[in-house]
Structures are given as structure tokens and as C-alpha cells.
Amino acid sequence: MLTFIEQTLIPFFLSLYDVVGYAGVAVAIGLETFIPIIPSEVIVPMAGWKVSQSVANPSIVEPITGAPWNWIAVLIIATAAAVAGSFVGYLIGAWGGRPLLDRWGRYVHIQPEDLDRADAWFRRYGDWAVLIGRLVPLVRALINYPAGIARMPVGRFLLFSALGSLPWNAALLLGGYLLGENYRTLYDAVRPYELAIYVLVGVGFVWVLWRWLGRSSPSDPSGA
């Protein structure tokens, strides 16, 4: 798998960025949001690297606009593309359900055990699993399917997808910007800490839920 990523995916998407710029970023990130074989930990930092290239050498420009690559523009495009790609996964789940995914998912590296994991996330956290899952490697590309199967309200799904994708993309873009041509090391750096990411995201979710429940609980009528 790592060989395929290094020798096929990375050169392909890097060429796509060089030829069609922001449009290539949109295509790549839209695809990675529902196809787990495409790692966001590589293609998002790659876009950050393009921004750093423009900063270091203004003659390196985004091919569509002819202007230097812009970090904010990339972040907006990446997040919008992530939401669009997530919705494609949602529609696949809503239309074909688990039978379709079990039959054809293996061709894009969607394994039954990975779907079981995403299903477990959705059963445990409900709609909030979409927001949480956007911050977790692999789960972020799979959580769309159980959300679609469960017919989660579309507006809520898109909102939670955007809220989860924005910080994830911002962090990876910043990492790629700072690391420059060494952006690929983010993939190797993130993978060993998946369990820690799960724990941190889970703790953060519990804290947010606790604060929300505390604010929404009725006040003491006695005024004590």
C-alpha cells in the first residue's frame, strides 16, 4: 500500500496540482473524503507545500489564476471539496447501503472490518460521529456511509462535515507549509498515533457534551 501511495498516488496528484492548481486540490480532497485509499495526510499537506513554494519563489504560481498560491484560498477550497466528497459518500450509503459497499468497496480499499468500525462510531455517537470522525484518520473517509444508511438529516450532515473538515485541513495545510518538500513525513508521523488521536477526540467530545449539557440544564427555581 505504501508503495502504491509513493509511486502512483503522490506523483499523480502532484501533477494534477501543477496542471490545474486549485481545481486539482478540489478533486483530490473531494475523492479522499470518501475513498480511504487516498490519504489526506499526504494530499492536503502537498497543497500546503505549494503555498510555501509560492512564498519562497513568487514566480511559482497557481496555474488557473496565474497568482501565487494562497493559503486561505486553499483552505476554503479544501473544506468545500471535503464537504462535497462527504456528501457523495452519504448518497452512496443512502442509495446502496451496506450490501453495495460490501460487494464493491474492496476495489477502493473499503474493507468490511473498516465499515464495521465506522458503523460502531455512528451507533455510539449518533450524528456527532460525523463531526468527530472528520478528525480521525481512516474513519473520516468511512463515516459518510453509515450516516447515509441511517438517513441522517442532510443539513446537519453537511454542517458537521464542514465543522470537522475545517480544522483538520487547516492543521495539515499548515504542516505542509512548514515542512515544505518534506510534507510526506506527515503521513508517517500521524499513522502511529491514531490511537492517541482517537482518545483525544473522544475526550474532547465528552468535554464539549458536558459543557453543553451544563448550559442547557434548567436553573434552580429557588435561586439558591
Protein backbone atom coordinates (compact mmCIF):
# COMPACT_ATOMS: atom_id res chain seq x y z
CA MET A 1 0.00 0.00 0.00
CA LEU A 2 2.77 2.45 0.89
CA THR A 3 4.48 1.65 -2.41
CA PHE A 4 1.27 2.43 -4.31
CA ILE A 5 0.88 5.71 -2.44
CA GLU A 6 4.50 6.73 -3.01
CA GLN A 7 4.86 5.64 -6.63
CA THR A 8 1.36 6.26 -8.02
CA LEU A 9 -0.91 8.46 -5.91
CA ILE A 10 1.57 11.14 -4.88
CA PRO A 11 3.04 11.72 -8.38
CA PHE A 12 -0.45 11.74 -9.90
CA PHE A 13 -1.93 14.31 -7.53
CA LEU A 14 1.23 16.43 -7.56
CA SER A 15 0.99 16.58 -11.36
CA LEU A 16 -2.69 17.44 -11.01
CA TYR A 17 -1.84 20.36 -8.71
CA ASP A 18 0.83 21.57 -11.15
CA VAL A 19 -1.53 21.44 -14.14
CA VAL A 20 -4.91 22.60 -12.80
CA GLY A 21 -3.99 24.12 -9.43
CA TYR A 22 -6.91 24.76 -7.10
CA ALA A 23 -9.17 22.55 -9.24
CA GLY A 24 -6.75 19.67 -8.66
CA VAL A 25 -6.86 20.32 -4.91
CA ALA A 26 -10.66 20.19 -5.02
CA VAL A 27 -10.69 16.91 -6.95
CA ALA A 28 -8.07 15.26 -4.75
CA ILE A 29 -9.65 16.23 -1.44
CA GLY A 30 -13.15 15.54 -2.67
CA LEU A 31 -12.06 11.99 -3.51
CA GLU A 32 -10.09 11.34 -0.31
CA THR A 33 -13.12 12.18 1.80
CA PHE A 34 -14.93 9.02 0.72
CA ILE A 35 -12.16 6.81 -0.72
CA PRO A 36 -9.85 5.72 2.12
CA ILE A 37 -7.02 4.59 -0.17
CA ILE A 38 -6.26 8.29 -0.78
CA PRO A 39 -4.60 9.62 2.41
CA SER A 40 -5.46 13.18 3.37
CA GLU A 41 -2.25 13.20 5.42
CA VAL A 42 -0.40 13.39 2.09
CA ILE A 43 -2.53 15.29 -0.40
CA VAL A 44 -3.58 18.12 1.93
CA PRO A 45 -0.01 18.90 3.12
CA MET A 46 1.02 18.71 -0.54
CA ALA A 47 -1.18 21.75 -1.16
CA GLY A 48 0.43 23.50 1.80
CA TRP A 49 3.80 22.83 0.22
CA LYS A 50 2.63 24.53 -2.99
CA VAL A 51 1.79 27.62 -0.92
CA SER A 52 5.25 27.60 0.66
CA GLN A 53 6.82 27.32 -2.79
CA SER A 54 4.99 30.46 -3.90
CA VAL A 55 6.09 32.32 -0.77
CA ALA A 56 9.73 31.34 -1.35
CA ASN A 57 9.56 31.98 -5.10
CA PRO A 58 6.77 34.30 -6.36
CA SER A 59 7.33 33.03 -9.90
CA ILE A 60 5.70 29.75 -8.84
CA VAL A 61 2.03 30.49 -9.36
CA GLU A 62 -1.28 28.67 -9.27
CA PRO A 63 -1.95 27.79 -12.93
CA ILE A 64 -5.63 28.80 -13.16
CA THR A 65 -5.41 32.25 -11.57
CA GLY A 66 -1.82 32.99 -12.50
CA ALA A 67 -1.34 34.33 -8.96
CA PRO A 68 0.77 32.86 -6.14
CA TRP A 69 -0.79 30.01 -4.25
CA ASN A 70 -2.84 31.39 -1.36
CA TRP A 71 -3.20 29.53 1.96
CA ILE A 72 -6.69 30.85 2.75
CA ALA A 73 -7.93 30.06 -0.75
CA VAL A 74 -6.59 26.51 -0.47
CA LEU A 75 -8.24 26.07 2.94
CA ILE A 76 -11.63 27.23 1.66
CA ILE A 77 -11.41 25.06 -1.44
CA ALA A 78 -10.21 22.05 0.55
CA THR A 79 -13.03 22.34 3.06
CA ALA A 80 -15.71 22.85 0.40
CA ALA A 81 -14.36 19.86 -1.53
CA ALA A 82 -14.32 17.74 1.63
CA VAL A 83 -17.98 18.55 2.26
CA ALA A 84 -18.89 17.74 -1.35
CA GLY A 85 -16.97 14.46 -1.25
CA SER A 86 -18.56 13.55 2.05
CA PHE A 87 -21.98 14.06 0.52
CA VAL A 88 -21.10 11.67 -2.29
CA GLY A 89 -20.28 9.05 0.34
CA TYR A 90 -23.54 9.85 2.12
CA LEU A 91 -25.51 9.34 -1.09
CA ILE A 92 -23.76 6.03 -1.77
CA GLY A 93 -24.72 4.84 1.70
CA ALA A 94 -28.29 6.07 1.34
CA TRP A 95 -28.72 4.54 -2.11
CA GLY A 96 -26.84 1.25 -1.99
CA GLY A 97 -26.41 0.62 1.71
CA ARG A 98 -24.08 -1.94 3.21
CA PRO A 99 -24.67 -4.61 0.50
CA LEU A 100 -23.28 -2.28 -2.18
CA LEU A 101 -20.27 -1.38 -0.05
CA ASP A 102 -19.54 -4.98 0.88
CA ARG A 103 -19.65 -6.02 -2.77
CA TRP A 104 -17.71 -3.21 -4.43
CA GLY A 105 -15.88 -1.40 -1.63
CA ARG A 106 -12.81 -3.63 -1.74
CA TYR A 107 -11.89 -2.16 -5.13
CA VAL A 108 -11.21 1.20 -3.44
CA HIS A 109 -9.76 -0.30 -0.26
CA ILE A 110 -13.00 -0.19 1.75
CA GLN A 111 -12.80 -3.32 3.90
CA PRO A 112 -15.76 -4.83 5.80
CA GLU A 113 -13.92 -4.51 9.11
CA ASP A 114 -13.32 -0.82 8.45
CA LEU A 115 -17.02 -0.34 7.74
CA ASP A 116 -17.80 -2.18 10.97
CA ARG A 117 -15.61 0.33 12.78
CA ALA A 118 -17.39 3.28 11.18
CA ASP A 119 -20.77 1.72 11.98
CA ALA A 120 -19.70 1.33 15.61
CA TRP A 121 -18.70 5.02 15.73
CA PHE A 122 -22.07 6.05 14.35
CA ARG A 123 -24.02 3.79 16.72
CA ARG A 124 -22.04 5.11 19.67
CA TYR A 125 -22.06 8.82 18.93
CA GLY A 126 -25.03 9.21 16.59
CA ASP A 127 -24.95 12.28 14.34
CA TRP A 128 -21.98 13.64 16.30
CA ALA A 129 -19.89 10.79 14.85
CA VAL A 130 -19.71 12.76 11.60
CA LEU A 131 -18.10 15.73 13.33
CA ILE A 132 -15.78 13.55 15.43
CA GLY A 133 -14.93 11.22 12.56
CA ARG A 134 -13.64 14.07 10.40
CA LEU A 135 -10.74 14.39 12.84
CA VAL A 136 -9.74 10.72 12.81
CA PRO A 137 -7.63 9.10 10.05
CA LEU A 138 -9.47 6.44 8.01
CA VAL A 139 -12.73 6.94 9.93
CA ARG A 140 -13.08 10.34 8.22
CA ALA A 141 -13.40 8.61 4.84
CA LEU A 142 -15.87 5.97 6.05
CA ILE A 143 -18.26 7.72 8.43
CA ASN A 144 -20.27 9.10 5.48
CA TYR A 145 -21.62 5.67 4.64
CA PRO A 146 -23.37 4.80 7.92
CA ALA A 147 -24.67 8.39 8.05
CA GLY A 148 -26.26 7.87 4.63
CA ILE A 149 -27.60 4.44 5.54
CA ALA A 150 -29.20 5.96 8.67
CA ARG A 151 -30.62 8.86 6.61
CA MET A 152 -29.06 11.44 8.89
CA PRO A 153 -30.66 14.86 8.12
CA VAL A 154 -28.72 16.25 5.16
CA GLY A 155 -28.34 19.79 6.51
CA ARG A 156 -26.95 18.52 9.79
CA PHE A 157 -24.64 16.11 7.97
CA LEU A 158 -23.20 18.86 5.76
CA LEU A 159 -22.78 21.24 8.71
CA PHE A 160 -20.96 18.67 10.84
CA SER A 161 -18.81 17.67 7.86
CA ALA A 162 -17.75 21.28 7.37
CA LEU A 163 -17.07 21.88 11.07
CA GLY A 164 -14.93 18.76 11.30
CA SER A 165 -13.10 19.19 7.99
CA LEU A 166 -12.07 22.82 8.56
CA PRO A 167 -9.66 22.29 11.49
CA TRP A 168 -8.34 19.03 10.01
CA ASN A 169 -7.50 20.70 6.70
CA ALA A 170 -6.08 23.78 8.42
CA ALA A 171 -3.72 21.67 10.53
CA LEU A 172 -2.50 19.58 7.59
CA LEU A 173 -2.10 22.61 5.31
CA LEU A 174 -0.07 24.37 7.98
CA GLY A 175 2.05 21.25 8.45
CA GLY A 176 2.72 21.04 4.73
CA TYR A 177 3.54 24.75 4.59
CA LEU A 178 6.05 24.47 7.43
CA LEU A 179 7.60 21.18 6.32
CA GLY A 180 7.93 22.22 2.68
CA GLU A 181 9.22 19.43 0.46
CA ASN A 182 9.25 17.13 3.49
CA TYR A 183 5.45 17.24 3.67
CA ARG A 184 5.26 13.46 3.09
CA THR A 185 6.64 12.83 6.56
CA LEU A 186 3.26 13.86 8.00
CA TYR A 187 1.77 10.59 6.76
CA ASP A 188 4.36 8.53 8.63
CA ALA A 189 4.10 10.82 11.66
CA VAL A 190 0.32 10.64 12.03
CA ARG A 191 -0.30 6.92 11.49
CA PRO A 192 1.48 5.59 14.63
CA TYR A 193 -0.58 7.94 16.79
CA GLU A 194 -4.04 7.00 15.53
CA LEU A 195 -4.99 5.56 18.93
CA ALA A 196 -3.89 8.74 20.69
CA ILE A 197 -5.94 10.77 18.21
CA TYR A 198 -8.99 8.62 18.98
CA VAL A 199 -8.50 9.21 22.71
CA LEU A 200 -8.00 12.97 22.36
CA VAL A 201 -11.01 13.36 20.09
CA GLY A 202 -13.13 11.23 22.43
CA VAL A 203 -12.09 13.26 25.48
CA GLY A 204 -12.77 16.48 23.60
CA PHE A 205 -16.21 15.26 22.61
CA VAL A 206 -17.07 14.31 26.20
CA TRP A 207 -15.91 17.73 27.43
CA VAL A 208 -17.99 19.59 24.81
CA LEU A 209 -21.02 17.43 25.61
CA TRP A 210 -20.59 18.05 29.35
CA ARG A 211 -20.38 21.81 28.82
CA TRP A 212 -23.40 21.78 26.53
CA LEU A 213 -25.49 19.75 28.95
CA GLY A 214 -24.44 22.07 31.79
CA ARG A 215 -25.57 25.15 29.90
CA SER A 216 -28.85 23.62 28.78
CA SER A 217 -29.87 22.28 32.20
CA PRO A 218 -32.63 24.33 33.89
CA SER A 219 -31.56 26.72 36.62
CA ASP A 220 -32.54 26.14 40.24
CA PRO A 221 -36.02 27.73 40.67
CA SER A 222 -35.25 28.56 44.30
CA GLY A 223 -32.45 30.83 43.16
CA ALA A 224 -30.05 29.12 45.55
